[in-house]
Amino acid sequence: MSDDPALQPFIYEGLYPAEDKKSAIDSFVDVARRAAKQVHDTVESGRKPGMPLSVLSNVAREAPLASLLIAFLLGASIARRR
């Protein structure tokens, strides 16, 4: 057969039998990896100084244990009444 491209048969996408197809599992793994990376990037951006996760972690780190216990008991007593 000649190397001339004009003489080569047309190969349409998806019709070439030797073409590797992604399996459903490989597609799912790719989607799961992209979703995990997006969640990781979102959490990392939330941990920057001044962002909500950073503020929440600082408050939790600095709060005295006694005040956390009082808040928990107060919440439990209110929830029990309803």
C-alpha atoms as a PDB file:
ATOM      1  CA  MET A   1       0.000   0.000   0.000  1.00  0.00           C
ATOM      2  CA  SER A   2       1.213   3.512  -0.730  1.00  0.00           C
ATOM      3  CA  ASP A   3       2.151   6.126   1.869  1.00  0.00           C
ATOM      4  CA  ASP A   4       0.165   8.729  -0.022  1.00  0.00           C
ATOM      5  CA  PRO A   5      -2.518  10.094   2.377  1.00  0.00           C
ATOM      6  CA  ALA A   6      -4.974  10.525  -0.491  1.00  0.00           C
ATOM      7  CA  LEU A   7      -4.983   6.767  -1.053  1.00  0.00           C
ATOM      8  CA  GLN A   8      -5.426   5.824   2.616  1.00  0.00           C
ATOM      9  CA  PRO A   9      -8.938   4.800   3.714  1.00  0.00           C
ATOM     10  CA  PHE A  10     -10.866   7.226   5.868  1.00  0.00           C
ATOM     11  CA  ILE A  11     -10.864   6.441   9.583  1.00  0.00           C
ATOM     12  CA  TYR A  12     -13.755   7.960  11.449  1.00  0.00           C
ATOM     13  CA  GLU A  13     -13.552   8.550  15.143  1.00  0.00           C
ATOM     14  CA  GLY A  14     -15.066   5.658  17.036  1.00  0.00           C
ATOM     15  CA  LEU A  15     -15.090   3.300  14.057  1.00  0.00           C
ATOM     16  CA  TYR A  16     -11.465   2.245  14.124  1.00  0.00           C
ATOM     17  CA  PRO A  17     -11.385  -1.227  15.727  1.00  0.00           C
ATOM     18  CA  ALA A  18      -7.867  -0.897  17.154  1.00  0.00           C
ATOM     19  CA  GLU A  19      -8.733   2.286  19.016  1.00  0.00           C
ATOM     20  CA  ASP A  20      -8.508   2.019  22.796  1.00  0.00           C
ATOM     21  CA  LYS A  21     -11.799   2.706  24.488  1.00  0.00           C
ATOM     22  CA  LYS A  22     -11.983   3.879  28.073  1.00  0.00           C
ATOM     23  CA  SER A  23     -13.901   1.499  30.210  1.00  0.00           C
ATOM     24  CA  ALA A  24     -16.681   2.726  32.465  1.00  0.00           C
ATOM     25  CA  ILE A  25     -14.476   2.122  35.502  1.00  0.00           C
ATOM     26  CA  ASP A  26     -11.664   4.246  34.071  1.00  0.00           C
ATOM     27  CA  SER A  27     -14.120   7.040  33.339  1.00  0.00           C
ATOM     28  CA  PHE A  28     -15.508   6.852  36.864  1.00  0.00           C
ATOM     29  CA  VAL A  29     -11.997   6.918  38.341  1.00  0.00           C
ATOM     30  CA  ASP A  30     -11.171  10.034  36.316  1.00  0.00           C
ATOM     31  CA  VAL A  31     -14.350  11.789  37.461  1.00  0.00           C
ATOM     32  CA  ALA A  32     -13.737  10.788  41.095  1.00  0.00           C
ATOM     33  CA  ARG A  33     -10.147  12.069  40.967  1.00  0.00           C
ATOM     34  CA  ARG A  34     -11.240  15.394  39.483  1.00  0.00           C
ATOM     35  CA  ALA A  35     -13.960  15.764  42.141  1.00  0.00           C
ATOM     36  CA  ALA A  36     -11.517  14.939  44.955  1.00  0.00           C
ATOM     37  CA  LYS A  37      -9.011  17.451  43.605  1.00  0.00           C
ATOM     38  CA  GLN A  38     -11.692  20.138  43.409  1.00  0.00           C
ATOM     39  CA  VAL A  39     -12.770  19.480  47.013  1.00  0.00           C
ATOM     40  CA  HIS A  40      -9.125  19.517  48.148  1.00  0.00           C
ATOM     41  CA  ASP A  41      -8.485  22.823  46.366  1.00  0.00           C
ATOM     42  CA  THR A  42     -11.634  24.346  47.881  1.00  0.00           C
ATOM     43  CA  VAL A  43     -10.652  23.295  51.411  1.00  0.00           C
ATOM     44  CA  GLU A  44      -7.122  24.596  50.912  1.00  0.00           C
ATOM     45  CA  SER A  45      -8.423  27.962  49.711  1.00  0.00           C
ATOM     46  CA  GLY A  46     -10.745  28.093  52.752  1.00  0.00           C
ATOM     47  CA  ARG A  47      -7.776  27.602  55.089  1.00  0.00           C
ATOM     48  CA  LYS A  48      -5.990  30.748  53.948  1.00  0.00           C
ATOM     49  CA  PRO A  49      -5.733  33.456  56.621  1.00  0.00           C
ATOM     50  CA  GLY A  50      -8.975  35.364  57.030  1.00  0.00           C
ATOM     51  CA  MET A  51     -11.095  32.733  55.283  1.00  0.00           C
ATOM     52  CA  PRO A  52     -13.936  30.936  57.139  1.00  0.00           C
ATOM     53  CA  LEU A  53     -12.117  27.644  57.822  1.00  0.00           C
ATOM     54  CA  SER A  54      -9.126  29.519  59.162  1.00  0.00           C
ATOM     55  CA  VAL A  55     -11.304  31.610  61.487  1.00  0.00           C
ATOM     56  CA  LEU A  56     -13.214  28.533  62.680  1.00  0.00           C
ATOM     57  CA  SER A  57     -10.044  26.592  63.430  1.00  0.00           C
ATOM     58  CA  ASN A  58      -8.587  29.579  65.334  1.00  0.00           C
ATOM     59  CA  VAL A  59     -11.759  29.950  67.426  1.00  0.00           C
ATOM     60  CA  ALA A  60     -11.817  26.236  68.222  1.00  0.00           C
ATOM     61  CA  ARG A  61      -8.139  26.304  69.157  1.00  0.00           C
ATOM     62  CA  GLU A  62      -8.482  29.326  71.430  1.00  0.00           C
ATOM     63  CA  ALA A  63     -11.810  28.488  73.104  1.00  0.00           C
ATOM     64  CA  PRO A  64     -11.468  27.293  76.698  1.00  0.00           C
ATOM     65  CA  LEU A  65     -12.755  23.809  77.375  1.00  0.00           C
ATOM     66  CA  ALA A  66     -15.118  25.000  80.108  1.00  0.00           C
ATOM     67  CA  SER A  67     -16.981  27.347  77.766  1.00  0.00           C
ATOM     68  CA  LEU A  68     -17.340  24.570  75.194  1.00  0.00           C
ATOM     69  CA  LEU A  69     -18.794  22.285  77.859  1.00  0.00           C
ATOM     70  CA  ILE A  70     -21.277  24.972  78.928  1.00  0.00           C
ATOM     71  CA  ALA A  71     -22.342  25.574  75.323  1.00  0.00           C
ATOM     72  CA  PHE A  72     -22.827  21.836  74.782  1.00  0.00           C
ATOM     73  CA  LEU A  73     -24.913  21.411  77.939  1.00  0.00           C
ATOM     74  CA  LEU A  74     -27.004  24.462  77.079  1.00  0.00           C
ATOM     75  CA  GLY A  75     -27.631  23.121  73.564  1.00  0.00           C
ATOM     76  CA  ALA A  76     -28.490  19.656  74.881  1.00  0.00           C
ATOM     77  CA  SER A  77     -30.985  21.079  77.393  1.00  0.00           C
ATOM     78  CA  ILE A  78     -32.694  23.217  74.743  1.00  0.00           C
ATOM     79  CA  ALA A  79     -32.859  20.322  72.285  1.00  0.00           C
ATOM     80  CA  ARG A  80     -34.287  17.998  74.935  1.00  0.00           C
ATOM     81  CA  ARG A  81     -37.226  20.315  75.672  1.00  0.00           C
ATOM     82  CA  ARG A  82     -38.417  20.343  72.056  1.00  0.00           C
END
